[in-house]
Amino acid sequence: MTTTLSLRTDRPFFVRIYGRYGVHELRAVIDTASELCLMQKKDAIELGYHPFYLKGLANSGTGTNALTPYNVIEMPTFNLDRVEVGGMIWKNLPTSAIDFIENLGVDVLLGRSFLKGLEARFDFSKENVVLTRAGGGQS
């Protein structure tokens, strides 16, 4: 069975993210330049995730390097238990948390960790992307 999902690329869409402390519906966009998904640190905390990383401290989580316009920074990484977009479900989705600019208009950037295992067809003239997953709606 193949599952297909069509999303607009000209505005955010909603994702449902599950955590230990509940569920949040958040505004998201696809970011093909990001290796991982990124979400607001405050949302990660409210959902029960541990979005902190301090190198050398015990029980401080795990981290990865991220390239910014100014330098390389260390960012926390963790897996989201469950993410739903349309009829598709992702489990254990690799993610990082940062403090976004509040008026950015989105809460989540869905990076290549989100796109892994999917066929993505961008149609910029129609301002949409069609995501297709062979084998059903769960990753």
C-alpha atoms as a PDB file:
ATOM      1  CA  MET A   1       0.000   0.000   0.000  1.00  0.00           C
ATOM      2  CA  THR A   2       1.244   3.506  -0.842  1.00  0.00           C
ATOM      3  CA  THR A   3       0.322   6.630   1.108  1.00  0.00           C
ATOM      4  CA  THR A   4       0.397  10.074  -0.525  1.00  0.00           C
ATOM      5  CA  LEU A   5       0.159  13.476   1.113  1.00  0.00           C
ATOM      6  CA  SER A   6      -0.012  16.864  -0.644  1.00  0.00           C
ATOM      7  CA  LEU A   7       1.144  19.943   1.276  1.00  0.00           C
ATOM      8  CA  ARG A   8       1.291  23.632   0.398  1.00  0.00           C
ATOM      9  CA  THR A   9       4.778  25.163   0.201  1.00  0.00           C
ATOM     10  CA  ASP A  10       3.651  28.797   0.358  1.00  0.00           C
ATOM     11  CA  ARG A  11       2.370  28.693   3.957  1.00  0.00           C
ATOM     12  CA  PRO A  12       2.691  26.608   7.127  1.00  0.00           C
ATOM     13  CA  PHE A  13       0.610  23.496   7.697  1.00  0.00           C
ATOM     14  CA  PHE A  14      -0.249  21.786  10.980  1.00  0.00           C
ATOM     15  CA  VAL A  15       1.548  18.818  12.516  1.00  0.00           C
ATOM     16  CA  ARG A  16       0.501  16.905  15.613  1.00  0.00           C
ATOM     17  CA  ILE A  17       3.387  16.034  17.940  1.00  0.00           C
ATOM     18  CA  TYR A  18       2.934  13.582  20.807  1.00  0.00           C
ATOM     19  CA  GLY A  19       5.024  13.631  23.961  1.00  0.00           C
ATOM     20  CA  ARG A  20       5.036  12.286  27.498  1.00  0.00           C
ATOM     21  CA  TYR A  21       2.876  15.215  28.688  1.00  0.00           C
ATOM     22  CA  GLY A  22       0.346  15.449  25.884  1.00  0.00           C
ATOM     23  CA  VAL A  23      -0.117  16.511  22.284  1.00  0.00           C
ATOM     24  CA  HIS A  24       0.544  19.828  20.526  1.00  0.00           C
ATOM     25  CA  GLU A  25      -0.705  20.928  17.123  1.00  0.00           C
ATOM     26  CA  LEU A  26       1.992  23.179  15.710  1.00  0.00           C
ATOM     27  CA  ARG A  27       2.633  25.158  12.516  1.00  0.00           C
ATOM     28  CA  ALA A  28       5.317  23.601  10.325  1.00  0.00           C
ATOM     29  CA  VAL A  29       7.145  23.969   7.032  1.00  0.00           C
ATOM     30  CA  ILE A  30       9.510  21.630   5.184  1.00  0.00           C
ATOM     31  CA  ASP A  31      13.164  22.705   5.298  1.00  0.00           C
ATOM     32  CA  THR A  32      15.285  20.605   2.937  1.00  0.00           C
ATOM     33  CA  ALA A  33      18.450  22.402   4.082  1.00  0.00           C
ATOM     34  CA  SER A  34      18.110  21.060   7.650  1.00  0.00           C
ATOM     35  CA  GLU A  35      19.415  17.601   8.426  1.00  0.00           C
ATOM     36  CA  LEU A  36      17.151  17.282  11.475  1.00  0.00           C
ATOM     37  CA  CYS A  37      13.730  18.581  12.341  1.00  0.00           C
ATOM     38  CA  LEU A  38      13.776  21.653  14.562  1.00  0.00           C
ATOM     39  CA  MET A  39      11.159  22.746  17.041  1.00  0.00           C
ATOM     40  CA  GLN A  40      10.714  25.473  19.618  1.00  0.00           C
ATOM     41  CA  LYS A  41      12.492  24.628  22.861  1.00  0.00           C
ATOM     42  CA  LYS A  42       9.438  25.701  24.888  1.00  0.00           C
ATOM     43  CA  ASP A  43       7.188  23.254  23.002  1.00  0.00           C
ATOM     44  CA  ALA A  44       9.670  20.407  23.490  1.00  0.00           C
ATOM     45  CA  ILE A  45       9.747  21.073  27.240  1.00  0.00           C
ATOM     46  CA  GLU A  46       5.936  21.284  27.482  1.00  0.00           C
ATOM     47  CA  LEU A  47       5.663  17.916  25.701  1.00  0.00           C
ATOM     48  CA  GLY A  48       8.131  16.298  28.104  1.00  0.00           C
ATOM     49  CA  TYR A  49      11.281  16.125  25.989  1.00  0.00           C
ATOM     50  CA  HIS A  50      14.769  16.989  27.232  1.00  0.00           C
ATOM     51  CA  PRO A  51      16.052  19.654  24.808  1.00  0.00           C
ATOM     52  CA  PHE A  52      19.306  20.428  26.604  1.00  0.00           C
ATOM     53  CA  TYR A  53      22.880  19.525  25.854  1.00  0.00           C
ATOM     54  CA  LEU A  54      25.929  20.515  27.843  1.00  0.00           C
ATOM     55  CA  LYS A  55      29.056  18.698  26.769  1.00  0.00           C
ATOM     56  CA  GLY A  56      30.782  16.871  29.628  1.00  0.00           C
ATOM     57  CA  LEU A  57      27.850  16.873  32.047  1.00  0.00           C
ATOM     58  CA  ALA A  58      26.244  13.587  33.070  1.00  0.00           C
ATOM     59  CA  ASN A  59      22.599  13.039  32.050  1.00  0.00           C
ATOM     60  CA  SER A  60      22.634  16.128  29.848  1.00  0.00           C
ATOM     61  CA  GLY A  61      21.249  14.513  26.686  1.00  0.00           C
ATOM     62  CA  THR A  62      22.935  14.177  23.328  1.00  0.00           C
ATOM     63  CA  GLY A  63      23.888  16.817  20.823  1.00  0.00           C
ATOM     64  CA  THR A  64      24.951  17.590  17.304  1.00  0.00           C
ATOM     65  CA  ASN A  65      26.775  20.432  15.599  1.00  0.00           C
ATOM     66  CA  ALA A  66      24.791  22.970  13.595  1.00  0.00           C
ATOM     67  CA  LEU A  67      26.106  25.537  11.153  1.00  0.00           C
ATOM     68  CA  THR A  68      24.716  29.040  11.574  1.00  0.00           C
ATOM     69  CA  PRO A  69      25.566  32.095   9.459  1.00  0.00           C
ATOM     70  CA  TYR A  70      28.095  33.082  12.119  1.00  0.00           C
ATOM     71  CA  ASN A  71      29.613  29.902  13.585  1.00  0.00           C
ATOM     72  CA  VAL A  72      29.115  26.244  14.490  1.00  0.00           C
ATOM     73  CA  ILE A  73      27.002  25.633  17.595  1.00  0.00           C
ATOM     74  CA  GLU A  74      26.128  22.508  19.574  1.00  0.00           C
ATOM     75  CA  MET A  75      22.433  21.648  19.689  1.00  0.00           C
ATOM     76  CA  PRO A  76      20.494  19.051  21.693  1.00  0.00           C
ATOM     77  CA  THR A  77      19.026  16.072  19.830  1.00  0.00           C
ATOM     78  CA  PHE A  78      16.214  13.739  20.806  1.00  0.00           C
ATOM     79  CA  ASN A  79      13.573  11.580  19.109  1.00  0.00           C
ATOM     80  CA  LEU A  80       9.937  12.643  18.956  1.00  0.00           C
ATOM     81  CA  ASP A  81       7.742   9.716  20.001  1.00  0.00           C
ATOM     82  CA  ARG A  82       5.090  10.293  17.345  1.00  0.00           C
ATOM     83  CA  VAL A  83       4.397  12.934  14.687  1.00  0.00           C
ATOM     84  CA  GLU A  84       1.297  13.065  12.466  1.00  0.00           C
ATOM     85  CA  VAL A  85       0.904  15.051   9.261  1.00  0.00           C
ATOM     86  CA  GLY A  86      -2.272  14.406   7.330  1.00  0.00           C
ATOM     87  CA  GLY A  87      -2.695  10.619   7.336  1.00  0.00           C
ATOM     88  CA  MET A  88       1.022   9.883   7.736  1.00  0.00           C
ATOM     89  CA  ILE A  89       2.716   8.946  11.020  1.00  0.00           C
ATOM     90  CA  TRP A  90       6.379   9.157  12.008  1.00  0.00           C
ATOM     91  CA  LYS A  91       7.764   7.429  15.101  1.00  0.00           C
ATOM     92  CA  ASN A  92      11.069   8.209  16.839  1.00  0.00           C
ATOM     93  CA  LEU A  93      11.715  11.189  14.554  1.00  0.00           C
ATOM     94  CA  PRO A  94      15.219  12.695  15.109  1.00  0.00           C
ATOM     95  CA  THR A  95      14.784  16.311  16.185  1.00  0.00           C
ATOM     96  CA  SER A  96      16.567  19.228  17.774  1.00  0.00           C
ATOM     97  CA  ALA A  97      15.185  22.185  19.732  1.00  0.00           C
ATOM     98  CA  ILE A  98      16.140  25.837  19.497  1.00  0.00           C
ATOM     99  CA  ASP A  99      14.638  29.185  20.448  1.00  0.00           C
ATOM    100  CA  PHE A 100      13.026  30.499  17.255  1.00  0.00           C
ATOM    101  CA  ILE A 101      12.251  34.114  16.628  1.00  0.00           C
ATOM    102  CA  GLU A 102       8.723  34.436  18.013  1.00  0.00           C
ATOM    103  CA  ASN A 103       7.192  36.117  14.957  1.00  0.00           C
ATOM    104  CA  LEU A 104       8.651  33.650  12.449  1.00  0.00           C
ATOM    105  CA  GLY A 105       5.170  32.221  11.820  1.00  0.00           C
ATOM    106  CA  VAL A 106       6.173  28.564  12.312  1.00  0.00           C
ATOM    107  CA  ASP A 107       6.899  26.351  15.307  1.00  0.00           C
ATOM    108  CA  VAL A 108       8.548  23.400  13.549  1.00  0.00           C
ATOM    109  CA  LEU A 109      10.964  23.011  10.646  1.00  0.00           C
ATOM    110  CA  LEU A 110      10.674  19.536   9.139  1.00  0.00           C
ATOM    111  CA  GLY A 111      14.149  18.616   7.887  1.00  0.00           C
ATOM    112  CA  ARG A 112      15.600  15.673   6.020  1.00  0.00           C
ATOM    113  CA  SER A 113      15.035  13.351   9.009  1.00  0.00           C
ATOM    114  CA  PHE A 114      11.309  13.895   8.274  1.00  0.00           C
ATOM    115  CA  LEU A 115      11.730  13.299   4.525  1.00  0.00           C
ATOM    116  CA  LYS A 116      13.811  10.111   4.920  1.00  0.00           C
ATOM    117  CA  GLY A 117      11.997   7.151   3.366  1.00  0.00           C
ATOM    118  CA  LEU A 118       9.706   9.372   1.310  1.00  0.00           C
ATOM    119  CA  GLU A 119       9.567  10.387  -2.296  1.00  0.00           C
ATOM    120  CA  ALA A 120       9.078  14.161  -2.410  1.00  0.00           C
ATOM    121  CA  ARG A 121       7.965  15.958  -5.570  1.00  0.00           C
ATOM    122  CA  PHE A 122       8.059  19.730  -5.380  1.00  0.00           C
ATOM    123  CA  ASP A 123       5.961  21.704  -7.871  1.00  0.00           C
ATOM    124  CA  PHE A 124       6.878  25.333  -7.369  1.00  0.00           C
ATOM    125  CA  SER A 125       4.440  26.544 -10.041  1.00  0.00           C
ATOM    126  CA  LYS A 126       1.569  25.068  -7.978  1.00  0.00           C
ATOM    127  CA  GLU A 127       3.267  25.849  -4.637  1.00  0.00           C
ATOM    128  CA  ASN A 128       2.957  22.324  -3.287  1.00  0.00           C
ATOM    129  CA  VAL A 129       4.897  19.194  -2.469  1.00  0.00           C
ATOM    130  CA  VAL A 130       3.586  15.646  -2.807  1.00  0.00           C
ATOM    131  CA  LEU A 131       5.045  13.156  -0.343  1.00  0.00           C
ATOM    132  CA  THR A 132       4.723   9.453  -1.105  1.00  0.00           C
ATOM    133  CA  ARG A 133       5.606   6.548   1.178  1.00  0.00           C
ATOM    134  CA  ALA A 134       5.571   2.993  -0.134  1.00  0.00           C
ATOM    135  CA  GLY A 135       4.288   0.450   2.363  1.00  0.00           C
ATOM    136  CA  GLY A 136       1.718   2.567   4.160  1.00  0.00           C
ATOM    137  CA  GLY A 137       1.379   5.567   6.401  1.00  0.00           C
ATOM    138  CA  GLN A 138       3.926   4.843   9.156  1.00  0.00           C
ATOM    139  CA  SER A 139       7.666   5.349   9.312  1.00  0.00           C
END
